[in-house]
Amino acid sequence: MNNIEQTLSIIKPDAVERNLADDIKDIFKKNNLNIIDAKKIHITKDEASEFYKVHQSKPFFNDLCTYLSSGPIVVMILEGKDAIKNYRKIMGATDPKKADENTIRRLFGISIDKNSVHGSDSTENAKKEIDFFFKN
C-alpha cells in the first residue's frame, strides 16, 4: 500500500539563527520528503503555549514556549510515503547526544531544548499541527 502522508516540520529558532534551514531542507529531499508549503514566521509566547498545549502539565512547558517564540521559525508541511515515521527517524532522539549518527538533531542540535527541529508524532497530531500553522 502506498501510504502517502503529511506531517508538520518546524525548524526551531536555534537552527534558523544559524542559517541551517537549507541544510535541513536538503535532508528532507534526500529522504523523499517533499515540502508542500513553507513559511518563515515569528510566533508569540501565547501562540507557542497554544501549539504546545499538550505539554502544559510538564515542567519544561514554560521554557519550551519561551524558546519557540524567541526568534523566527520555519514551518513546513512535508509529504511522502510514511512521512510521519520517516521524518521522526531522520530527526533523531530529542537529546542530540543520544540521537543516531546523521540524524538532524545529531548533526545540528545544541541541547535537549535547542534540538533544531520539531515533527508531528502521529497522524492526528500532524493534522492538528498543520491546521495550526496553515489554516486557510
Protein backbone atom coordinates (compact mmCIF):
# COMPACT_ATOMS: atom_id res chain seq x y z
CA MET A 1 0.00 0.00 0.00
CA ASN A 2 1.23 3.47 -0.87
CA ASN A 3 0.85 5.33 2.43
CA ILE A 4 1.36 8.97 1.43
CA GLU A 5 1.06 11.21 4.48
CA GLN A 6 1.67 14.77 5.52
CA THR A 7 3.45 15.90 8.65
CA LEU A 8 4.45 19.21 10.17
CA SER A 9 8.07 20.24 10.50
CA ILE A 10 9.35 23.22 12.43
CA ILE A 11 12.89 24.43 12.06
CA LYS A 12 13.36 25.95 15.50
CA PRO A 13 14.93 29.32 16.40
CA ASP A 14 18.40 27.90 17.13
CA ALA A 15 18.68 26.38 13.64
CA VAL A 16 17.14 29.40 11.85
CA GLU A 17 19.57 31.67 13.70
CA ARG A 18 22.49 29.52 12.50
CA ASN A 19 21.20 29.58 8.88
CA LEU A 20 20.64 25.81 8.79
CA ALA A 21 17.23 25.83 7.10
CA ASP A 22 18.59 24.97 3.63
CA ASP A 23 20.80 22.17 5.01
CA ILE A 24 17.81 20.69 6.83
CA LYS A 25 15.58 21.01 3.75
CA ASP A 26 18.24 19.13 1.74
CA ILE A 27 17.98 16.25 4.23
CA PHE A 28 14.20 16.17 3.67
CA LYS A 29 14.68 15.96 -0.10
CA LYS A 30 17.30 13.18 0.20
CA ASN A 31 14.77 11.22 2.28
CA ASN A 32 11.87 11.60 -0.18
CA LEU A 33 10.00 14.15 1.91
CA ASN A 34 8.54 16.84 -0.31
CA ILE A 35 7.97 20.34 1.03
CA ILE A 36 4.34 21.14 0.13
CA ASP A 37 4.22 24.53 1.84
CA ALA A 38 6.66 26.55 3.94
CA LYS A 39 6.82 29.91 5.64
CA LYS A 40 9.13 31.75 7.98
CA ILE A 41 7.24 33.27 10.89
CA HIS A 42 7.77 34.59 14.41
CA ILE A 43 5.12 33.40 16.86
CA THR A 44 4.20 34.93 20.20
CA LYS A 45 4.59 33.13 23.51
CA ASP A 46 0.78 32.80 23.68
CA GLU A 47 0.75 31.12 20.25
CA ALA A 48 3.56 28.79 21.35
CA SER A 49 1.56 27.95 24.50
CA GLU A 50 -1.45 27.09 22.36
CA PHE A 51 0.67 24.98 20.00
CA TYR A 52 2.34 23.04 22.85
CA LYS A 53 -0.85 22.80 24.95
CA VAL A 54 -0.44 19.00 25.05
CA HIS A 55 2.67 19.58 27.24
CA GLN A 56 1.18 22.18 29.60
CA SER A 57 1.42 19.97 32.69
CA LYS A 58 5.11 19.19 32.12
CA PRO A 59 7.87 21.05 33.98
CA PHE A 60 9.55 22.17 30.75
CA PHE A 61 6.39 23.73 29.26
CA ASN A 62 7.18 27.38 30.03
CA ASP A 63 10.78 27.14 28.78
CA LEU A 64 9.61 25.36 25.64
CA CYS A 65 7.11 28.13 24.84
CA THR A 66 9.61 30.89 25.62
CA TYR A 67 12.16 29.20 23.36
CA LEU A 68 9.83 28.59 20.38
CA SER A 69 8.76 32.23 20.45
CA SER A 70 12.33 33.55 20.91
CA GLY A 71 13.05 34.04 17.21
CA PRO A 72 11.92 33.22 13.68
CA ILE A 73 10.94 29.64 12.85
CA VAL A 74 10.31 27.91 9.55
CA VAL A 75 7.12 25.85 9.47
CA MET A 76 6.60 23.34 6.67
CA ILE A 77 4.19 20.70 5.51
CA LEU A 78 6.16 17.66 4.45
CA GLU A 79 4.61 14.93 2.32
CA GLY A 80 5.81 11.48 1.41
CA LYS A 81 5.44 7.75 1.95
CA ASP A 82 5.03 7.14 5.70
CA ALA A 83 6.08 10.78 6.19
CA ILE A 84 5.45 10.87 9.96
CA LYS A 85 7.54 7.79 10.76
CA ASN A 86 10.17 8.68 8.15
CA TYR A 87 10.58 12.23 9.43
CA ARG A 88 10.77 11.15 13.08
CA LYS A 89 13.51 8.70 12.12
CA ILE A 90 15.63 11.34 10.36
CA MET A 91 15.01 13.89 13.15
CA GLY A 92 16.61 11.63 15.74
CA ALA A 93 16.15 11.45 19.51
CA THR A 94 15.13 14.59 21.43
CA ASP A 95 18.57 14.68 23.07
CA PRO A 96 21.11 15.32 20.29
CA LYS A 97 23.77 13.36 22.25
CA LYS A 98 21.53 10.27 22.13
CA ALA A 99 20.39 10.73 18.52
CA ASP A 100 21.66 8.33 15.86
CA GLU A 101 24.51 9.39 13.57
CA ASN A 102 23.48 11.58 10.61
CA THR A 103 20.09 12.48 12.08
CA ILE A 104 19.13 16.17 12.03
CA ARG A 105 19.35 16.54 15.79
CA ARG A 106 22.73 14.77 15.97
CA LEU A 107 24.11 16.95 13.18
CA PHE A 108 22.68 20.31 14.28
CA GLY A 109 21.11 20.09 17.74
CA ILE A 110 22.76 22.00 20.59
CA SER A 111 20.84 20.55 23.56
CA ILE A 112 17.62 18.79 24.52
CA ASP A 113 15.88 22.19 24.41
CA LYS A 114 17.67 23.58 21.36
CA ASN A 115 17.37 20.48 19.21
CA SER A 116 16.79 22.33 15.92
CA VAL A 117 13.57 20.68 14.72
CA HIS A 118 10.06 19.60 15.70
CA GLY A 119 7.97 16.95 13.96
CA SER A 120 4.47 15.61 14.47
CA ASP A 121 4.32 12.30 16.35
CA SER A 122 1.04 10.89 15.00
CA THR A 123 -1.45 11.25 12.15
CA GLU A 124 -3.88 13.01 14.49
CA ASN A 125 -1.26 15.48 15.75
CA ALA A 126 0.06 16.08 12.22
CA LYS A 127 -3.41 17.23 11.14
CA LYS A 128 -3.83 19.46 14.22
CA GLU A 129 -0.35 20.94 13.88
CA ILE A 130 -0.65 21.58 10.13
CA ASP A 131 -4.02 23.26 10.72
CA PHE A 132 -2.49 25.39 13.48
CA PHE A 133 0.03 26.98 11.12
CA PHE A 134 -1.65 26.61 7.73
CA LYS A 135 -5.35 27.33 8.36
CA ASN A 136 -6.87 28.92 5.28
